[in-house]
C-alpha atoms as a PDB file:
ATOM      1  CA  MET A   1       8.179   0.692  -8.308  1.00  0.00           C
ATOM      2  CA  PHE A   2       9.263  -2.083  -5.108  1.00  0.00           C
ATOM      3  CA  PHE A   3       6.927  -4.028  -3.819  1.00  0.00           C
ATOM      4  CA  SER A   4       7.401  -5.685  -0.126  1.00  0.00           C
ATOM      5  CA  ILE A   5       5.000  -7.986   1.052  1.00  0.00           C
ATOM      6  CA  GLU A   6       4.705  -9.233   4.751  1.00  0.00           C
ATOM      7  CA  PRO A   7       3.647 -13.027   4.739  1.00  0.00           C
ATOM      8  CA  ASN A   8       2.541 -12.300   8.732  1.00  0.00           C
ATOM      9  CA  ASN A   9       1.235  -8.881   8.490  1.00  0.00           C
ATOM     10  CA  ARG A  10      -2.908  -9.406   9.403  1.00  0.00           C
ATOM     11  CA  VAL A  11      -3.775  -7.510   6.026  1.00  0.00           C
ATOM     12  CA  ALA A  12      -4.108 -10.142   2.704  1.00  0.00           C
ATOM     13  CA  ILE A  13      -1.244 -10.360   0.443  1.00  0.00           C
ATOM     14  CA  TYR A  14      -3.697  -9.636  -1.710  1.00  0.00           C
ATOM     15  CA  GLU A  15      -4.864  -6.635  -0.038  1.00  0.00           C
ATOM     16  CA  GLN A  16      -0.880  -5.350   0.762  1.00  0.00           C
ATOM     17  CA  VAL A  17      -0.220  -5.614  -3.470  1.00  0.00           C
ATOM     18  CA  VAL A  18      -3.764  -3.019  -3.911  1.00  0.00           C
ATOM     19  CA  ARG A  19      -2.468  -0.517  -1.073  1.00  0.00           C
ATOM     20  CA  GLN A  20       1.119  -0.449  -2.217  1.00  0.00           C
ATOM     21  CA  VAL A  21      -0.423  -0.073  -5.765  1.00  0.00           C
ATOM     22  CA  LYS A  22      -2.640   3.003  -4.245  1.00  0.00           C
ATOM     23  CA  PHE A  23      -0.158   4.197  -2.230  1.00  0.00           C
ATOM     24  CA  ALA A  24       2.129   4.262  -5.240  1.00  0.00           C
ATOM     25  CA  VAL A  25      -0.361   6.298  -7.444  1.00  0.00           C
ATOM     26  CA  ALA A  26      -1.298   8.968  -4.599  1.00  0.00           C
ATOM     27  CA  GLU A  27       2.909   9.395  -4.367  1.00  0.00           C
ATOM     28  CA  GLY A  28       3.427   9.615  -7.960  1.00  0.00           C
ATOM     29  CA  THR A  29       5.740   7.064  -8.177  1.00  0.00           C
ATOM     30  CA  LEU A  30       3.498   5.224 -10.465  1.00  0.00           C
ATOM     31  CA  ARG A  31       1.967   7.784 -12.868  1.00  0.00           C
ATOM     32  CA  SER A  32      -0.793   7.372 -15.392  1.00  0.00           C
ATOM     33  CA  GLY A  33      -0.817   5.287 -17.993  1.00  0.00           C
ATOM     34  CA  GLN A  34       2.244   2.849 -16.986  1.00  0.00           C
ATOM     35  CA  LEU A  35       2.694  -0.170 -17.334  1.00  0.00           C
ATOM     36  CA  LEU A  36       2.003  -2.465 -13.961  1.00  0.00           C
ATOM     37  CA  PRO A  37       4.107  -5.980 -13.903  1.00  0.00           C
ATOM     38  CA  SER A  38       2.513  -8.948 -15.188  1.00  0.00           C
ATOM     39  CA  VAL A  39       0.582 -11.074 -12.960  1.00  0.00           C
ATOM     40  CA  ARG A  40       3.413 -13.736 -13.853  1.00  0.00           C
ATOM     41  CA  VAL A  41       6.500 -11.599 -13.207  1.00  0.00           C
ATOM     42  CA  LEU A  42       5.323  -9.757 -10.114  1.00  0.00           C
ATOM     43  CA  SER A  43       4.804 -13.180  -8.921  1.00  0.00           C
ATOM     44  CA  GLN A  44       7.650 -14.561  -9.505  1.00  0.00           C
ATOM     45  CA  GLN A  45       9.600 -11.435  -7.655  1.00  0.00           C
ATOM     46  CA  LEU A  46       7.326 -11.136  -4.881  1.00  0.00           C
ATOM     47  CA  ALA A  47       7.545 -15.561  -4.646  1.00  0.00           C
ATOM     48  CA  ILE A  48       3.812 -15.548  -4.408  1.00  0.00           C
ATOM     49  CA  ASN A  49       0.879 -17.330  -6.133  1.00  0.00           C
ATOM     50  CA  PRO A  50      -0.318 -16.057  -9.002  1.00  0.00           C
ATOM     51  CA  ASN A  51      -3.638 -15.960  -8.144  1.00  0.00           C
ATOM     52  CA  THR A  52      -3.105 -14.151  -5.329  1.00  0.00           C
ATOM     53  CA  ILE A  53      -1.588 -10.974  -7.668  1.00  0.00           C
ATOM     54  CA  ALA A  54      -4.521 -11.556 -10.227  1.00  0.00           C
ATOM     55  CA  ARG A  55      -6.927 -10.956  -7.410  1.00  0.00           C
ATOM     56  CA  ALA A  56      -4.911  -7.679  -6.368  1.00  0.00           C
ATOM     57  CA  TYR A  57      -5.118  -6.675  -9.935  1.00  0.00           C
ATOM     58  CA  GLN A  58      -8.890  -7.438 -10.409  1.00  0.00           C
ATOM     59  CA  GLN A  59      -9.417  -5.685  -7.418  1.00  0.00           C
ATOM     60  CA  LEU A  60      -8.185  -2.426  -8.523  1.00  0.00           C
ATOM     61  CA  GLN A  61      -9.337  -2.545 -11.496  1.00  0.00           C
ATOM     62  CA  ALA A  62     -12.866  -2.616 -10.009  1.00  0.00           C
ATOM     63  CA  ASP A  63     -11.498   0.630  -7.802  1.00  0.00           C
ATOM     64  CA  GLU A  64     -10.498   2.453 -10.876  1.00  0.00           C
ATOM     65  CA  VAL A  65      -7.160   2.358 -10.646  1.00  0.00           C
ATOM     66  CA  VAL A  66      -6.199   0.626 -13.505  1.00  0.00           C
ATOM     67  CA  GLU A  67      -7.570  -0.341 -16.855  1.00  0.00           C
ATOM     68  CA  PRO A  68      -6.523  -3.159 -19.401  1.00  0.00           C
ATOM     69  CA  LEU A  69      -4.566  -2.089 -22.363  1.00  0.00           C
ATOM     70  CA  ARG A  70      -5.442  -5.071 -25.201  1.00  0.00           C
ATOM     71  CA  GLY A  71      -2.113  -7.055 -25.436  1.00  0.00           C
ATOM     72  CA  ARG A  72      -0.388  -4.505 -23.524  1.00  0.00           C
ATOM     73  CA  GLY A  73      -1.265  -5.422 -19.813  1.00  0.00           C
ATOM     74  CA  LEU A  74      -2.808  -3.172 -17.383  1.00  0.00           C
ATOM     75  CA  ALA A  75      -1.817   0.298 -17.109  1.00  0.00           C
ATOM     76  CA  ILE A  76      -2.523   3.281 -14.394  1.00  0.00           C
ATOM     77  CA  ARG A  77      -5.739   4.936 -15.584  1.00  0.00           C
ATOM     78  CA  THR A  78      -5.670   8.769 -16.250  1.00  0.00           C
ATOM     79  CA  ASP A  79      -7.638   9.875 -13.103  1.00  0.00           C
ATOM     80  CA  ALA A  80      -6.282   7.784 -10.968  1.00  0.00           C
ATOM     81  CA  LYS A  81      -4.541  10.222  -8.739  1.00  0.00           C
ATOM     82  CA  LYS A  82      -7.087  11.422  -7.192  1.00  0.00           C
ATOM     83  CA  ALA A  83      -9.091   8.374  -6.238  1.00  0.00           C
ATOM     84  CA  CYS A  84      -5.712   7.094  -4.504  1.00  0.00           C
ATOM     85  CA  VAL A  85      -4.892  10.118  -2.899  1.00  0.00           C
ATOM     86  CA  LEU A  86      -8.133   9.544  -0.788  1.00  0.00           C
ATOM     87  CA  ALA A  87      -7.640   5.830  -0.412  1.00  0.00           C
ATOM     88  CA  ARG A  88      -4.762   6.156   0.607  1.00  0.00           C
ATOM     89  CA  ARG A  89      -5.719   8.721   3.073  1.00  0.00           C
ATOM     90  CA  ASP A  90      -8.951   6.816   4.510  1.00  0.00           C
ATOM     91  CA  ILE A  91      -6.996   3.275   4.992  1.00  0.00           C
ATOM     92  CA  ILE A  92      -4.312   5.309   6.767  1.00  0.00           C
ATOM     93  CA  VAL A  93      -7.496   7.109   9.372  1.00  0.00           C
ATOM     94  CA  ASP A  94      -9.209   3.834   9.524  1.00  0.00           C
ATOM     95  CA  ARG A  95      -5.928   2.166  10.891  1.00  0.00           C
ATOM     96  CA  LEU A  96      -5.071   4.909  13.156  1.00  0.00           C
ATOM     97  CA  ARG A  97      -8.695   5.161  14.434  1.00  0.00           C
ATOM     98  CA  SER A  98      -8.437   1.258  15.277  1.00  0.00           C
ATOM     99  CA  VAL A  99      -5.393   1.857  16.953  1.00  0.00           C
ATOM    100  CA  LEU A 100      -6.293   4.538  19.019  1.00  0.00           C
ATOM    101  CA  THR A 101      -9.955   3.184  20.155  1.00  0.00           C
ATOM    102  CA  GLU A 102      -7.556  -0.268  21.099  1.00  0.00           C
ATOM    103  CA  ALA A 103      -5.434   2.302  22.948  1.00  0.00           C
ATOM    104  CA  LEU A 104      -8.361   3.718  24.719  1.00  0.00           C
ATOM    105  CA  HIS A 105      -9.774   0.818  25.381  1.00  0.00           C
ATOM    106  CA  ALA A 106      -6.939  -0.081  27.580  1.00  0.00           C
ATOM    107  CA  GLY A 107      -7.258   2.207  29.435  1.00  0.00           C
ATOM    108  CA  LEU A 108      -4.321   5.191  28.141  1.00  0.00           C
ATOM    109  CA  THR A 109      -4.816   8.653  28.720  1.00  0.00           C
ATOM    110  CA  GLN A 110      -4.977  10.745  25.625  1.00  0.00           C
ATOM    111  CA  GLU A 111      -2.199  12.326  27.106  1.00  0.00           C
ATOM    112  CA  ASP A 112      -0.318   8.995  27.097  1.00  0.00           C
ATOM    113  CA  ILE A 113      -1.370   8.206  23.885  1.00  0.00           C
ATOM    114  CA  GLU A 114      -0.026  12.119  22.195  1.00  0.00           C
ATOM    115  CA  LYS A 115       3.360  11.378  23.965  1.00  0.00           C
ATOM    116  CA  ILE A 116       3.276   7.851  22.665  1.00  0.00           C
ATOM    117  CA  LEU A 117       2.540   8.852  19.193  1.00  0.00           C
ATOM    118  CA  ARG A 118       4.735  12.041  19.402  1.00  0.00           C
ATOM    119  CA  LYS A 119       8.247   9.569  20.482  1.00  0.00           C
ATOM    120  CA  GLN A 120       7.141   6.982  17.321  1.00  0.00           C
ATOM    121  CA  LEU A 121       6.960  10.612  15.321  1.00  0.00           C
ATOM    122  CA  ARG A 122      10.571  11.331  16.340  1.00  0.00           C
ATOM    123  CA  GLU A 123      12.170   8.033  16.261  1.00  0.00           C
ATOM    124  CA  LEU A 124      10.508   6.703  12.608  1.00  0.00           C
ATOM    125  CA  SER A 125      10.825  10.487  10.719  1.00  0.00           C
ATOM    126  CA  GLY A 126      13.380   9.418   7.850  1.00  0.00           C
ATOM    127  CA  ASN A 127      13.642   5.883   8.770  1.00  0.00           C
ATOM    128  CA  VAL A 128      10.824   4.504   7.136  1.00  0.00           C
ATOM    129  CA  GLN A 129      11.083   3.016   3.356  1.00  0.00           C
ATOM    130  CA  THR A 130       8.578   4.267   1.194  1.00  0.00           C
ATOM    131  CA  VAL A 131       7.097   2.863  -1.935  1.00  0.00           C
ATOM    132  CA  SER A 132       9.349   4.249  -4.109  1.00  0.00           C
ATOM    133  CA  GLN A 133      12.525   3.302  -2.880  1.00  0.00           C
ATOM    134  CA  PRO A 134      14.390  -0.595  -3.342  1.00  0.00           C
ATOM    135  CA  PRO A 135      14.096  -2.147  -0.308  1.00  0.00           C
ATOM    136  CA  GLU A 136      17.653  -2.812   1.819  1.00  0.00           C
ATOM    137  CA  PRO A 137      20.249  -5.712   1.149  1.00  0.00           C
ATOM    138  CA  PRO A 138      19.650  -8.075   4.126  1.00  0.00           C
ATOM    139  CA  THR A 139      23.066  -6.902   6.239  1.00  0.00           C
END
């Protein structure tokens, strides 16, 4: 699994980590019993504060996505996939609803929004990196 953190994103960094783990579990990239990288390793890979990773991992435990394995680290729970599929859907629905509300508030019509949506889907289709793909090297 490959994490991609966007520091300028309005979503807190720890929440970006939480979402990416949930999306990876929902997608099947992370499976039941698979260990997450240690806090130290992941914080070094992402060049972010270890406390941020620890907070994300605490949230994943509270959300019952991961469980501690004594002496080994955190592993994906056997029952996590179903919850992560639902969480992924809820996250996307909330974000889309927010964007649609803003578009309607700005005066766009339903037809305008649908046209924009179709165009963006065509442009993005096949061009978006998923959590299971490694990041592309800089050009």
